[in-house]
PDB file of all heavy atoms in Angstrom:
ATOM      1  N   THR A   1     -31.154 176.089 128.150  1.00  0.00           N
ATOM      2  CA  THR A   1     -30.578 176.723 126.994  1.00  0.00           C
ATOM      3  C   THR A   1     -31.070 178.211 126.912  1.00  0.00           C
ATOM      4  O   THR A   1     -32.194 178.475 127.336  1.00  0.00           O
ATOM      5  CB  THR A   1     -30.819 176.029 125.654  1.00  0.00           C
ATOM      6  OG1 THR A   1     -32.246 176.074 125.437  1.00  0.00           O
ATOM      7  CG2 THR A   1     -30.357 174.604 125.701  1.00  0.00           C
ATOM      8  N   GLU A   2     -30.219 179.033 126.293  1.00  0.00           N
ATOM      9  CA  GLU A   2     -30.652 180.465 126.061  1.00  0.00           C
ATOM     10  C   GLU A   2     -30.805 180.606 124.593  1.00  0.00           C
ATOM     11  O   GLU A   2     -29.927 180.183 123.839  1.00  0.00           O
ATOM     12  CB  GLU A   2     -29.631 181.350 126.603  1.00  0.00           C
ATOM     13  CG  GLU A   2     -29.966 182.824 126.455  1.00  0.00           C
ATOM     14  CD  GLU A   2     -28.871 183.764 126.972  1.00  0.00           C
ATOM     15  OE1 GLU A   2     -27.837 183.222 127.461  1.00  0.00           O
ATOM     16  OE2 GLU A   2     -29.074 185.015 126.942  1.00  0.00           O
ATOM     17  N   ARG A   3     -31.876 181.229 124.205  1.00  0.00           N
ATOM     18  CA  ARG A   3     -32.175 181.395 122.704  1.00  0.00           C
ATOM     19  C   ARG A   3     -31.759 182.833 122.376  1.00  0.00           C
ATOM     20  O   ARG A   3     -32.270 183.801 123.021  1.00  0.00           O
ATOM     21  CB  ARG A   3     -33.615 181.172 122.512  1.00  0.00           C
ATOM     22  CG  ARG A   3     -34.048 181.368 121.048  1.00  0.00           C
ATOM     23  CD  ARG A   3     -35.460 180.872 120.845  1.00  0.00           C
ATOM     24  NE  ARG A   3     -35.969 181.156 119.486  1.00  0.00           N
ATOM     25  CZ  ARG A   3     -36.708 182.227 119.186  1.00  0.00           C
ATOM     26  NH1 ARG A   3     -36.934 183.178 120.182  1.00  0.00           N
ATOM     27  NH2 ARG A   3     -37.194 182.495 117.924  1.00  0.00           N
ATOM     28  N   LYS A   4     -30.865 183.003 121.464  1.00  0.00           N
ATOM     29  CA  LYS A   4     -30.474 184.272 120.979  1.00  0.00           C
ATOM     30  C   LYS A   4     -31.084 184.539 119.569  1.00  0.00           C
ATOM     31  O   LYS A   4     -31.041 183.650 118.732  1.00  0.00           O
ATOM     32  CB  LYS A   4     -28.899 184.333 120.904  1.00  0.00           C
ATOM     33  CG  LYS A   4     -28.156 184.163 122.188  1.00  0.00           C
ATOM     34  CD  LYS A   4     -28.073 185.415 122.894  1.00  0.00           C
ATOM     35  CE  LYS A   4     -27.116 185.363 124.054  1.00  0.00           C
ATOM     36  NZ  LYS A   4     -27.043 186.656 124.894  1.00  0.00           N
ATOM     37  N   VAL A   5     -31.615 185.736 119.406  1.00  0.00           N
ATOM     38  CA  VAL A   5     -32.247 186.175 118.072  1.00  0.00           C
ATOM     39  C   VAL A   5     -31.282 187.278 117.602  1.00  0.00           C
ATOM     40  O   VAL A   5     -31.172 188.304 118.267  1.00  0.00           O
ATOM     41  CB  VAL A   5     -33.610 186.530 118.156  1.00  0.00           C
ATOM     42  CG1 VAL A   5     -34.138 186.989 116.741  1.00  0.00           C
ATOM     43  CG2 VAL A   5     -34.481 185.374 118.626  1.00  0.00           C
ATOM     44  N   LEU A   6     -30.644 187.154 116.429  1.00  0.00           N
ATOM     45  CA  LEU A   6     -29.711 188.077 115.882  1.00  0.00           C
ATOM     46  C   LEU A   6     -30.154 188.537 114.449  1.00  0.00           C
ATOM     47  O   LEU A   6     -30.520 187.739 113.680  1.00  0.00           O
ATOM     48  CB  LEU A   6     -28.266 187.501 115.809  1.00  0.00           C
ATOM     49  CG  LEU A   6     -27.804 186.784 117.056  1.00  0.00           C
ATOM     50  CD1 LEU A   6     -26.552 185.982 116.724  1.00  0.00           C
ATOM     51  CD2 LEU A   6     -27.484 187.756 118.193  1.00  0.00           C
ATOM     52  N   LEU A   7     -30.023 189.834 114.224  1.00  0.00           N
ATOM     53  CA  LEU A   7     -30.210 190.320 112.863  1.00  0.00           C
ATOM     54  C   LEU A   7     -28.830 190.634 112.269  1.00  0.00           C
ATOM     55  O   LEU A   7     -28.026 191.290 112.933  1.00  0.00           O
ATOM     56  CB  LEU A   7     -31.058 191.578 112.908  1.00  0.00           C
ATOM     57  CG  LEU A   7     -32.551 191.457 113.325  1.00  0.00           C
ATOM     58  CD1 LEU A   7     -33.248 192.774 113.272  1.00  0.00           C
ATOM     59  CD2 LEU A   7     -33.279 190.408 112.397  1.00  0.00           C
ATOM     60  N   VAL A   8     -28.601 190.129 111.088  1.00  0.00           N
ATOM     61  CA  VAL A   8     -27.315 190.289 110.454  1.00  0.00           C
ATOM     62  C   VAL A   8     -27.050 191.725 110.016  1.00  0.00           C
ATOM     63  O   VAL A   8     -27.851 192.280 109.285  1.00  0.00           O
ATOM     64  CB  VAL A   8     -27.136 189.337 109.216  1.00  0.00           C
ATOM     65  CG1 VAL A   8     -25.816 189.600 108.539  1.00  0.00           C
ATOM     66  CG2 VAL A   8     -27.368 187.880 109.608  1.00  0.00           C
ATOM     67  N   PRO A   9     -25.996 192.407 110.474  1.00  0.00           N
ATOM     68  CA  PRO A   9     -25.640 193.780 110.218  1.00  0.00           C
ATOM     69  C   PRO A   9     -25.101 193.848 108.790  1.00  0.00           C
ATOM     70  O   PRO A   9     -24.579 192.848 108.253  1.00  0.00           O
ATOM     71  CB  PRO A   9     -24.736 194.215 111.209  1.00  0.00           C
ATOM     72  CG  PRO A   9     -24.003 192.979 111.663  1.00  0.00           C
ATOM     73  CD  PRO A   9     -25.059 191.849 111.565  1.00  0.00           C
ATOM     74  N   GLU A  10     -25.081 195.011 108.210  1.00  0.00           N
ATOM     75  CA  GLU A  10     -24.525 195.220 106.890  1.00  0.00           C
ATOM     76  C   GLU A  10     -23.133 194.756 106.762  1.00  0.00           C
ATOM     77  O   GLU A  10     -22.634 194.142 105.775  1.00  0.00           O
ATOM     78  CB  GLU A  10     -24.697 196.736 106.503  1.00  0.00           C
ATOM     79  CG  GLU A  10     -24.237 196.977 105.085  1.00  0.00           C
ATOM     80  CD  GLU A  10     -24.475 198.442 104.687  1.00  0.00           C
ATOM     81  OE1 GLU A  10     -25.067 199.152 105.512  1.00  0.00           O
ATOM     82  OE2 GLU A  10     -24.017 198.850 103.613  1.00  0.00           O
ATOM     83  N   GLY A  11     -22.345 194.964 107.852  1.00  0.00           N
ATOM     84  CA  GLY A  11     -20.908 194.679 107.764  1.00  0.00           C
ATOM     85  C   GLY A  11     -20.597 193.121 107.653  1.00  0.00           C
ATOM     86  O   GLY A  11     -19.453 192.808 107.295  1.00  0.00           O
ATOM     87  N   LEU A  12     -21.573 192.293 107.948  1.00  0.00           N
ATOM     88  CA  LEU A  12     -21.317 190.865 107.863  1.00  0.00           C
ATOM     89  C   LEU A  12     -22.040 190.234 106.701  1.00  0.00           C
ATOM     90  O   LEU A  12     -22.033 189.021 106.586  1.00  0.00           O
ATOM     91  CB  LEU A  12     -21.805 190.177 109.188  1.00  0.00           C
ATOM     92  CG  LEU A  12     -21.007 190.502 110.455  1.00  0.00           C
ATOM     93  CD1 LEU A  12     -21.528 189.716 111.602  1.00  0.00           C
ATOM     94  CD2 LEU A  12     -19.503 190.141 110.264  1.00  0.00           C
ATOM     95  N   SER A  13     -22.749 191.001 105.926  1.00  0.00           N
ATOM     96  CA  SER A  13     -23.435 190.496 104.781  1.00  0.00           C
ATOM     97  C   SER A  13     -22.483 189.743 103.836  1.00  0.00           C
ATOM     98  O   SER A  13     -21.425 190.272 103.503  1.00  0.00           O
ATOM     99  CB  SER A  13     -24.222 191.624 104.035  1.00  0.00           C
ATOM    100  OG  SER A  13     -24.964 191.078 102.926  1.00  0.00           O
ATOM    101  N   GLY A  14     -22.859 188.544 103.446  1.00  0.00           N
ATOM    102  CA  GLY A  14     -22.042 187.748 102.535  1.00  0.00           C
ATOM    103  C   GLY A  14     -21.133 186.784 103.304  1.00  0.00           C
ATOM    104  O   GLY A  14     -20.487 185.925 102.657  1.00  0.00           O
ATOM    105  N   GLU A  15     -20.966 186.929 104.646  1.00  0.00           N
ATOM    106  CA  GLU A  15     -20.096 186.120 105.374  1.00  0.00           C
ATOM    107  C   GLU A  15     -20.690 184.666 105.480  1.00  0.00           C
ATOM    108  O   GLU A  15     -21.934 184.495 105.458  1.00  0.00           O
ATOM    109  CB  GLU A  15     -19.923 186.676 106.830  1.00  0.00           C
ATOM    110  CG  GLU A  15     -18.980 187.861 106.887  1.00  0.00           C
ATOM    111  CD  GLU A  15     -17.483 187.400 106.968  1.00  0.00           C
ATOM    112  OE1 GLU A  15     -17.179 186.206 106.860  1.00  0.00           O
ATOM    113  OE2 GLU A  15     -16.664 188.328 107.163  1.00  0.00           O
ATOM    114  N   ARG A  16     -19.899 183.673 105.709  1.00  0.00           N
ATOM    115  CA  ARG A  16     -20.387 182.383 106.040  1.00  0.00           C
ATOM    116  C   ARG A  16     -21.081 182.520 107.398  1.00  0.00           C
ATOM    117  O   ARG A  16     -20.725 183.252 108.236  1.00  0.00           O
ATOM    118  CB  ARG A  16     -19.249 181.400 106.190  1.00  0.00           C
ATOM    119  CG  ARG A  16     -18.748 180.848 104.809  1.00  0.00           C
ATOM    120  CD  ARG A  16     -17.542 179.995 105.074  1.00  0.00           C
ATOM    121  NE  ARG A  16     -17.638 179.012 106.072  1.00  0.00           N
ATOM    122  CZ  ARG A  16     -17.381 177.680 106.006  1.00  0.00           C
ATOM    123  NH1 ARG A  16     -16.962 177.202 104.863  1.00  0.00           N
ATOM    124  NH2 ARG A  16     -17.498 176.882 106.998  1.00  0.00           N
ATOM    125  N   VAL A  17     -22.085 181.649 107.563  1.00  0.00           N
ATOM    126  CA  VAL A  17     -22.948 181.743 108.778  1.00  0.00           C
ATOM    127  C   VAL A  17     -22.130 181.432 110.015  1.00  0.00           C
ATOM    128  O   VAL A  17     -22.350 182.063 111.042  1.00  0.00           O
ATOM    129  CB  VAL A  17     -24.207 180.834 108.641  1.00  0.00           C
ATOM    130  CG1 VAL A  17     -23.833 179.380 108.641  1.00  0.00           C
ATOM    131  CG2 VAL A  17     -25.227 181.149 109.761  1.00  0.00           C
ATOM    132  N   ASP A  18     -21.192 180.457 109.925  1.00  0.00           N
ATOM    133  CA  ASP A  18     -20.489 180.108 111.111  1.00  0.00           C
ATOM    134  C   ASP A  18     -19.516 181.220 111.593  1.00  0.00           C
ATOM    135  O   ASP A  18     -19.438 181.586 112.683  1.00  0.00           O
ATOM    136  CB  ASP A  18     -19.692 178.845 110.999  1.00  0.00           C
ATOM    137  CG  ASP A  18     -18.713 178.865 109.739  1.00  0.00           C
ATOM    138  OD1 ASP A  18     -18.813 179.779 108.905  1.00  0.00           O
ATOM    139  OD2 ASP A  18     -17.868 177.932 109.609  1.00  0.00           O
ATOM    140  N   ALA A  19     -18.979 181.981 110.546  1.00  0.00           N
ATOM    141  CA  ALA A  19     -18.105 183.093 110.894  1.00  0.00           C
ATOM    142  C   ALA A  19     -18.936 184.268 111.419  1.00  0.00           C
ATOM    143  O   ALA A  19     -18.433 184.986 112.401  1.00  0.00           O
ATOM    144  CB  ALA A  19     -17.293 183.552 109.602  1.00  0.00           C
ATOM    145  N   ALA A  20     -20.087 184.495 110.846  1.00  0.00           N
ATOM    146  CA  ALA A  20     -20.929 185.619 111.267  1.00  0.00           C
ATOM    147  C   ALA A  20     -21.393 185.440 112.770  1.00  0.00           C
ATOM    148  O   ALA A  20     -21.323 186.349 113.539  1.00  0.00           O
ATOM    149  CB  ALA A  20     -22.089 185.800 110.419  1.00  0.00           C
ATOM    150  N   ILE A  21     -21.821 184.232 113.053  1.00  0.00           N
ATOM    151  CA  ILE A  21     -22.310 183.920 114.431  1.00  0.00           C
ATOM    152  C   ILE A  21     -21.094 184.077 115.433  1.00  0.00           C
ATOM    153  O   ILE A  21     -21.298 184.616 116.575  1.00  0.00           O
ATOM    154  CB  ILE A  21     -22.986 182.610 114.534  1.00  0.00           C
ATOM    155  CG1 ILE A  21     -24.267 182.644 113.702  1.00  0.00           C
ATOM    156  CG2 ILE A  21     -23.248 182.263 116.003  1.00  0.00           C
ATOM    157  CD1 ILE A  21     -24.970 181.261 113.663  1.00  0.00           C
ATOM    158  N   ALA A  22     -19.956 183.584 115.052  1.00  0.00           N
ATOM    159  CA  ALA A  22     -18.783 183.622 115.870  1.00  0.00           C
ATOM    160  C   ALA A  22     -18.500 185.105 116.212  1.00  0.00           C
ATOM    161  O   ALA A  22     -18.149 185.399 117.397  1.00  0.00           O
ATOM    162  CB  ALA A  22     -17.587 182.925 115.264  1.00  0.00           C
ATOM    163  N   ARG A  23     -18.566 185.917 115.222  1.00  0.00           N
ATOM    164  CA  ARG A  23     -18.154 187.318 115.488  1.00  0.00           C
ATOM    165  C   ARG A  23     -19.282 188.099 116.335  1.00  0.00           C
ATOM    166  O   ARG A  23     -18.934 188.827 117.224  1.00  0.00           O
ATOM    167  CB  ARG A  23     -17.985 188.054 114.183  1.00  0.00           C
ATOM    168  CG  ARG A  23     -16.710 187.583 113.409  1.00  0.00           C
ATOM    169  CD  ARG A  23     -16.550 188.199 112.114  1.00  0.00           C
ATOM    170  NE  ARG A  23     -16.308 189.566 112.215  1.00  0.00           N
ATOM    171  CZ  ARG A  23     -16.160 190.431 111.130  1.00  0.00           C
ATOM    172  NH1 ARG A  23     -16.163 189.927 109.942  1.00  0.00           N
ATOM    173  NH2 ARG A  23     -15.944 191.725 111.283  1.00  0.00           N
ATOM    174  N   MET A  24     -20.521 187.678 116.107  1.00  0.00           N
ATOM    175  CA  MET A  24     -21.578 188.413 116.759  1.00  0.00           C
ATOM    176  C   MET A  24     -21.762 187.952 118.307  1.00  0.00           C
ATOM    177  O   MET A  24     -22.095 188.774 119.135  1.00  0.00           O
ATOM    178  CB  MET A  24     -22.916 188.261 116.064  1.00  0.00           C
ATOM    179  CG  MET A  24     -23.038 189.101 114.804  1.00  0.00           C
ATOM    180  SD  MET A  24     -24.755 189.029 114.069  1.00  0.00           S
ATOM    181  CE  MET A  24     -24.804 187.467 113.322  1.00  0.00           C
ATOM    182  N   LEU A  25     -21.411 186.722 118.525  1.00  0.00           N
ATOM    183  CA  LEU A  25     -21.543 186.163 119.922  1.00  0.00           C
ATOM    184  C   LEU A  25     -20.272 186.025 120.588  1.00  0.00           C
ATOM    185  O   LEU A  25     -20.336 185.624 121.781  1.00  0.00           O
ATOM    186  CB  LEU A  25     -22.380 184.872 119.857  1.00  0.00           C
ATOM    187  CG  LEU A  25     -23.849 184.977 119.376  1.00  0.00           C
ATOM    188  CD1 LEU A  25     -24.534 183.546 119.446  1.00  0.00           C
ATOM    189  CD2 LEU A  25     -24.643 185.902 120.275  1.00  0.00           C
ATOM    190  N   GLY A  26     -19.216 186.201 119.926  1.00  0.00           N
ATOM    191  CA  GLY A  26     -17.903 186.012 120.606  1.00  0.00           C
ATOM    192  C   GLY A  26     -17.601 184.592 120.885  1.00  0.00           C
ATOM    193  O   GLY A  26     -16.810 184.232 121.861  1.00  0.00           O
ATOM    194  N   LEU A  27     -18.077 183.712 120.110  1.00  0.00           N
ATOM    195  CA  LEU A  27     -17.767 182.275 120.219  1.00  0.00           C
ATOM    196  C   LEU A  27     -16.689 181.789 119.250  1.00  0.00           C
ATOM    197  O   LEU A  27     -16.467 182.481 118.263  1.00  0.00           O
ATOM    198  CB  LEU A  27     -19.055 181.395 119.912  1.00  0.00           C
ATOM    199  CG  LEU A  27     -20.323 181.644 120.773  1.00  0.00           C
ATOM    200  CD1 LEU A  27     -21.455 180.851 120.246  1.00  0.00           C
ATOM    201  CD2 LEU A  27     -20.025 181.319 122.239  1.00  0.00           C
ATOM    202  N   SER A  28     -16.059 180.685 119.554  1.00  0.00           N
ATOM    203  CA  SER A  28     -15.043 180.154 118.651  1.00  0.00           C
ATOM    204  C   SER A  28     -15.867 179.597 117.481  1.00  0.00           C
ATOM    205  O   SER A  28     -16.995 179.066 117.580  1.00  0.00           O
ATOM    206  CB  SER A  28     -14.228 179.021 119.291  1.00  0.00           C
ATOM    207  OG  SER A  28     -15.064 177.912 119.584  1.00  0.00           O
ATOM    208  N   ARG A  29     -15.227 179.580 116.324  1.00  0.00           N
ATOM    209  CA  ARG A  29     -15.950 179.004 115.090  1.00  0.00           C
ATOM    210  C   ARG A  29     -16.203 177.470 115.325  1.00  0.00           C
ATOM    211  O   ARG A  29     -17.251 177.000 114.871  1.00  0.00           O
ATOM    212  CB  ARG A  29     -15.116 179.180 113.802  1.00  0.00           C
ATOM    213  CG  ARG A  29     -15.860 178.790 112.641  1.00  0.00           C
ATOM    214  CD  ARG A  29     -15.154 179.111 111.355  1.00  0.00           C
ATOM    215  NE  ARG A  29     -15.115 180.496 111.058  1.00  0.00           N
ATOM    216  CZ  ARG A  29     -14.692 181.024 109.892  1.00  0.00           C
ATOM    217  NH1 ARG A  29     -14.281 180.239 108.955  1.00  0.00           N
ATOM    218  NH2 ARG A  29     -14.696 182.324 109.694  1.00  0.00           N
ATOM    219  N   SER A  30     -15.305 176.799 115.952  1.00  0.00           N
ATOM    220  CA  SER A  30     -15.538 175.350 116.214  1.00  0.00           C
ATOM    221  C   SER A  30     -16.826 175.186 117.022  1.00  0.00           C
ATOM    222  O   SER A  30     -17.588 174.262 116.712  1.00  0.00           O
ATOM    223  CB  SER A  30     -14.348 174.766 116.995  1.00  0.00           C
ATOM    224  OG  SER A  30     -13.190 174.843 116.282  1.00  0.00           O
ATOM    225  N   ARG A  31     -17.109 176.039 118.047  1.00  0.00           N
ATOM    226  CA  ARG A  31     -18.220 175.879 118.849  1.00  0.00           C
ATOM    227  C   ARG A  31     -19.491 176.169 118.005  1.00  0.00           C
ATOM    228  O   ARG A  31     -20.545 175.509 118.138  1.00  0.00           O
ATOM    229  CB  ARG A  31     -18.171 176.955 119.982  1.00  0.00           C
ATOM    230  CG  ARG A  31     -19.414 177.072 120.796  1.00  0.00           C
ATOM    231  CD  ARG A  31     -19.836 175.719 121.486  1.00  0.00           C
ATOM    232  NE  ARG A  31     -21.044 175.905 122.336  1.00  0.00           N
ATOM    233  CZ  ARG A  31     -21.919 174.960 122.642  1.00  0.00           C
ATOM    234  NH1 ARG A  31     -21.637 173.762 122.180  1.00  0.00           N
ATOM    235  NH2 ARG A  31     -22.935 175.197 123.458  1.00  0.00           N
ATOM    236  N   VAL A  32     -19.443 177.175 117.071  1.00  0.00           N
ATOM    237  CA  VAL A  32     -20.632 177.477 116.224  1.00  0.00           C
ATOM    238  C   VAL A  32     -20.902 176.383 115.267  1.00  0.00           C
ATOM    239  O   VAL A  32     -22.079 175.944 115.065  1.00  0.00           O
ATOM    240  CB  VAL A  32     -20.406 178.776 115.503  1.00  0.00           C
ATOM    241  CG1 VAL A  32     -21.515 179.037 114.521  1.00  0.00           C
ATOM    242  CG2 VAL A  32     -20.194 180.007 116.358  1.00  0.00           C
ATOM    243  N   VAL A  33     -19.851 175.748 114.706  1.00  0.00           N
ATOM    244  CA  VAL A  33     -20.025 174.619 113.822  1.00  0.00           C
ATOM    245  C   VAL A  33     -20.730 173.464 114.592  1.00  0.00           C
ATOM    246  O   VAL A  33     -21.577 172.749 114.059  1.00  0.00           O
ATOM    247  CB  VAL A  33     -18.655 174.148 113.231  1.00  0.00           C
ATOM    248  CG1 VAL A  33     -18.820 172.830 112.585  1.00  0.00           C
ATOM    249  CG2 VAL A  33     -18.088 175.167 112.257  1.00  0.00           C
ATOM    250  N   GLU A  34     -20.363 173.264 115.852  1.00  0.00           N
ATOM    251  CA  GLU A  34     -20.894 172.194 116.662  1.00  0.00           C
ATOM    252  C   GLU A  34     -22.417 172.530 116.816  1.00  0.00           C
ATOM    253  O   GLU A  34     -23.270 171.628 116.727  1.00  0.00           O
ATOM    254  CB  GLU A  34     -20.255 172.218 117.977  1.00  0.00           C
ATOM    255  CG  GLU A  34     -20.729 171.198 118.945  1.00  0.00           C
ATOM    256  CD  GLU A  34     -19.963 171.336 120.327  1.00  0.00           C
ATOM    257  OE1 GLU A  34     -18.831 171.272 120.279  1.00  0.00           O
ATOM    258  OE2 GLU A  34     -20.692 171.540 121.329  1.00  0.00           O
ATOM    259  N   LEU A  35     -22.819 173.787 117.114  1.00  0.00           N
ATOM    260  CA  LEU A  35     -24.208 174.152 117.333  1.00  0.00           C
ATOM    261  C   LEU A  35     -25.033 173.929 115.978  1.00  0.00           C
ATOM    262  O   LEU A  35     -26.140 173.417 116.019  1.00  0.00           O
ATOM    263  CB  LEU A  35     -24.260 175.618 117.760  1.00  0.00           C
ATOM    264  CG  LEU A  35     -23.779 175.997 119.135  1.00  0.00           C
ATOM    265  CD1 LEU A  35     -23.668 177.442 119.362  1.00  0.00           C
ATOM    266  CD2 LEU A  35     -24.689 175.366 120.204  1.00  0.00           C
ATOM    267  N   ILE A  36     -24.385 174.330 114.927  1.00  0.00           N
ATOM    268  CA  ILE A  36     -25.082 174.101 113.602  1.00  0.00           C
ATOM    269  C   ILE A  36     -25.293 172.693 113.369  1.00  0.00           C
ATOM    270  O   ILE A  36     -26.392 172.240 112.953  1.00  0.00           O
ATOM    271  CB  ILE A  36     -24.274 174.748 112.467  1.00  0.00           C
ATOM    272  CG1 ILE A  36     -24.216 176.308 112.648  1.00  0.00           C
ATOM    273  CG2 ILE A  36     -24.856 174.390 111.095  1.00  0.00           C
ATOM    274  CD1 ILE A  36     -23.319 176.972 111.636  1.00  0.00           C
ATOM    275  N   GLY A  37     -24.227 171.825 113.619  1.00  0.00           N
ATOM    276  CA  GLY A  37     -24.399 170.368 113.426  1.00  0.00           C
ATOM    277  C   GLY A  37     -25.379 169.707 114.271  1.00  0.00           C
ATOM    278  O   GLY A  37     -26.038 168.757 113.846  1.00  0.00           O
ATOM    279  N   ASP A  38     -25.641 170.345 115.465  1.00  0.00           N
ATOM    280  CA  ASP A  38     -26.637 169.771 116.408  1.00  0.00           C
ATOM    281  C   ASP A  38     -28.013 170.304 116.175  1.00  0.00           C
ATOM    282  O   ASP A  38     -28.966 170.049 116.928  1.00  0.00           O
ATOM    283  CB  ASP A  38     -26.229 170.084 117.846  1.00  0.00           C
ATOM    284  CG  ASP A  38     -24.977 169.283 118.292  1.00  0.00           C
ATOM    285  OD1 ASP A  38     -24.752 168.245 117.568  1.00  0.00           O
ATOM    286  OD2 ASP A  38     -24.308 169.598 119.333  1.00  0.00           O
TER     287      ASP A  38
END
């Protein structure tokens, strides 16, 4: 596995965490929800 460390930029402040990660890493939201659930 690869560990990513991300700092939330001003433009994403207030976003849901799944939406923010999807936008920062270019992943589908379904994939992010899966990662959070795991």
